[in-house]
């Protein structure tokens, strides 16, 4: 296994991780921004007011995108297992 293969594997892994985490992070960012905007307009500074909507938004995203996320991860794992002999030099 040379350094190019290791770098390629690392890049693929980071891309899959970014692709899988993007829906959750974008949802948390959007809901957090909306709640912060609402809090600043109404001057209500309640901690749970920002936590509960994020939790609900992330739960909805996991229900909607969960199947796609699992399929993506399984497909990446199968590709990794298929390339394992080549990576080990066999």
C-alpha atoms as a PDB file:
ATOM      1  CA  UNK A   1       0.000   0.000   0.000  1.00  0.00           C
ATOM      2  CA  UNK A   2       1.641   3.217  -1.109  1.00  0.00           C
ATOM      3  CA  UNK A   3       0.953   6.751   0.048  1.00  0.00           C
ATOM      4  CA  UNK A   4      -1.265   7.562  -2.961  1.00  0.00           C
ATOM      5  CA  UNK A   5      -3.666   4.759  -2.036  1.00  0.00           C
ATOM      6  CA  UNK A   6      -3.765   5.914   1.583  1.00  0.00           C
ATOM      7  CA  UNK A   7      -4.459   9.505   0.526  1.00  0.00           C
ATOM      8  CA  UNK A   8      -7.158   8.379  -1.898  1.00  0.00           C
ATOM      9  CA  UNK A   9      -8.817   6.296   0.798  1.00  0.00           C
ATOM     10  CA  UNK A  10      -8.619   9.215   3.231  1.00  0.00           C
ATOM     11  CA  UNK A  11     -10.176  11.614   0.732  1.00  0.00           C
ATOM     12  CA  UNK A  12     -13.002   9.182  -0.048  1.00  0.00           C
ATOM     13  CA  UNK A  13     -13.645   8.687   3.670  1.00  0.00           C
ATOM     14  CA  UNK A  14     -13.761  12.416   4.365  1.00  0.00           C
ATOM     15  CA  UNK A  15     -16.099  13.003   1.421  1.00  0.00           C
ATOM     16  CA  UNK A  16     -18.509  10.322   2.621  1.00  0.00           C
ATOM     17  CA  UNK A  17     -18.383  11.718   6.166  1.00  0.00           C
ATOM     18  CA  UNK A  18     -19.093  15.241   4.886  1.00  0.00           C
ATOM     19  CA  UNK A  19     -21.912  14.004   2.651  1.00  0.00           C
ATOM     20  CA  UNK A  20     -23.533  12.103   5.531  1.00  0.00           C
ATOM     21  CA  UNK A  21     -23.231  14.890   8.084  1.00  0.00           C
ATOM     22  CA  UNK A  22     -24.284  17.756   5.784  1.00  0.00           C
ATOM     23  CA  UNK A  23     -28.088  17.379   6.122  1.00  0.00           C
ATOM     24  CA  UNK A  24     -27.895  17.283   9.920  1.00  0.00           C
ATOM     25  CA  UNK A  25     -25.477  20.195  10.200  1.00  0.00           C
ATOM     26  CA  UNK A  26     -27.348  22.375   7.711  1.00  0.00           C
ATOM     27  CA  UNK A  27     -30.638  21.723   9.502  1.00  0.00           C
ATOM     28  CA  UNK A  28     -29.147  22.553  12.898  1.00  0.00           C
ATOM     29  CA  UNK A  29     -27.625  25.733  11.457  1.00  0.00           C
ATOM     30  CA  UNK A  30     -30.867  26.878   9.813  1.00  0.00           C
ATOM     31  CA  UNK A  31     -33.063  26.116  12.827  1.00  0.00           C
ATOM     32  CA  UNK A  32     -30.540  27.701  15.187  1.00  0.00           C
ATOM     33  CA  UNK A  33     -30.395  30.845  13.075  1.00  0.00           C
ATOM     34  CA  UNK A  34     -34.187  31.082  12.876  1.00  0.00           C
ATOM     35  CA  UNK A  35     -34.575  30.627  16.630  1.00  0.00           C
ATOM     36  CA  UNK A  36     -31.811  33.137  17.378  1.00  0.00           C
ATOM     37  CA  UNK A  37     -33.467  35.644  15.070  1.00  0.00           C
ATOM     38  CA  UNK A  38     -36.809  35.061  16.787  1.00  0.00           C
ATOM     39  CA  UNK A  39     -35.198  35.403  20.223  1.00  0.00           C
ATOM     40  CA  UNK A  40     -33.472  38.634  19.309  1.00  0.00           C
ATOM     41  CA  UNK A  41     -36.688  40.099  17.886  1.00  0.00           C
ATOM     42  CA  UNK A  42     -38.790  39.156  20.925  1.00  0.00           C
ATOM     43  CA  UNK A  43     -35.967  39.490  23.524  1.00  0.00           C
ATOM     44  CA  UNK A  44     -36.838  36.089  24.968  1.00  0.00           C
ATOM     45  CA  UNK A  45     -33.615  34.464  26.170  1.00  0.00           C
ATOM     46  CA  UNK A  46     -34.624  30.935  27.075  1.00  0.00           C
ATOM     47  CA  UNK A  47     -32.028  28.181  26.594  1.00  0.00           C
ATOM     48  CA  UNK A  48     -34.517  25.400  25.943  1.00  0.00           C
ATOM     49  CA  UNK A  49     -36.176  27.484  23.247  1.00  0.00           C
ATOM     50  CA  UNK A  50     -33.106  27.010  21.067  1.00  0.00           C
ATOM     51  CA  UNK A  51     -32.489  23.374  21.998  1.00  0.00           C
ATOM     52  CA  UNK A  52     -35.899  21.771  21.439  1.00  0.00           C
ATOM     53  CA  UNK A  53     -36.491  23.038  17.857  1.00  0.00           C
ATOM     54  CA  UNK A  54     -33.000  21.892  16.838  1.00  0.00           C
ATOM     55  CA  UNK A  55     -33.665  18.487  18.335  1.00  0.00           C
ATOM     56  CA  UNK A  56     -36.977  18.185  16.492  1.00  0.00           C
ATOM     57  CA  UNK A  57     -35.465  19.406  13.211  1.00  0.00           C
ATOM     58  CA  UNK A  58     -32.598  16.941  13.414  1.00  0.00           C
ATOM     59  CA  UNK A  59     -35.012  14.100  14.257  1.00  0.00           C
ATOM     60  CA  UNK A  60     -37.102  14.945  11.180  1.00  0.00           C
ATOM     61  CA  UNK A  61     -33.993  15.046   8.979  1.00  0.00           C
ATOM     62  CA  UNK A  62     -32.867  11.663  10.307  1.00  0.00           C
ATOM     63  CA  UNK A  63     -36.272  10.162   9.540  1.00  0.00           C
ATOM     64  CA  UNK A  64     -36.325  11.648   6.043  1.00  0.00           C
ATOM     65  CA  UNK A  65     -32.658  11.087   5.097  1.00  0.00           C
ATOM     66  CA  UNK A  66     -31.842   8.074   7.273  1.00  0.00           C
ATOM     67  CA  UNK A  67     -32.407   5.497   4.542  1.00  0.00           C
ATOM     68  CA  UNK A  68     -30.201   7.401   2.102  1.00  0.00           C
ATOM     69  CA  UNK A  69     -27.501   7.809   4.761  1.00  0.00           C
ATOM     70  CA  UNK A  70     -27.439   4.097   5.540  1.00  0.00           C
ATOM     71  CA  UNK A  71     -27.384   3.163   1.833  1.00  0.00           C
ATOM     72  CA  UNK A  72     -24.465   5.542   1.240  1.00  0.00           C
ATOM     73  CA  UNK A  73     -22.519   4.127   4.162  1.00  0.00           C
ATOM     74  CA  UNK A  74     -23.192   0.506   3.144  1.00  0.00           C
ATOM     75  CA  UNK A  75     -22.167   1.254  -0.455  1.00  0.00           C
ATOM     76  CA  UNK A  76     -18.911   2.870   0.733  1.00  0.00           C
ATOM     77  CA  UNK A  77     -18.195  -0.074   3.029  1.00  0.00           C
ATOM     78  CA  UNK A  78     -18.809  -2.562   0.204  1.00  0.00           C
ATOM     79  CA  UNK A  79     -16.450  -0.610  -2.081  1.00  0.00           C
ATOM     80  CA  UNK A  80     -13.849  -0.601   0.682  1.00  0.00           C
ATOM     81  CA  UNK A  81     -14.147  -4.364   1.178  1.00  0.00           C
ATOM     82  CA  UNK A  82     -13.943  -4.917  -2.598  1.00  0.00           C
ATOM     83  CA  UNK A  83     -10.734  -2.851  -2.765  1.00  0.00           C
ATOM     84  CA  UNK A  84      -9.216  -4.441   0.353  1.00  0.00           C
ATOM     85  CA  UNK A  85      -7.070  -7.035  -1.497  1.00  0.00           C
ATOM     86  CA  UNK A  86      -5.665  -4.302  -3.732  1.00  0.00           C
ATOM     87  CA  UNK A  87      -4.990  -2.091  -0.720  1.00  0.00           C
ATOM     88  CA  UNK A  88      -3.166  -4.868   1.096  1.00  0.00           C
ATOM     89  CA  UNK A  89      -1.014  -5.600  -1.938  1.00  0.00           C
ATOM     90  CA  UNK A  90      -2.547  -8.921  -2.927  1.00  0.00           C
END
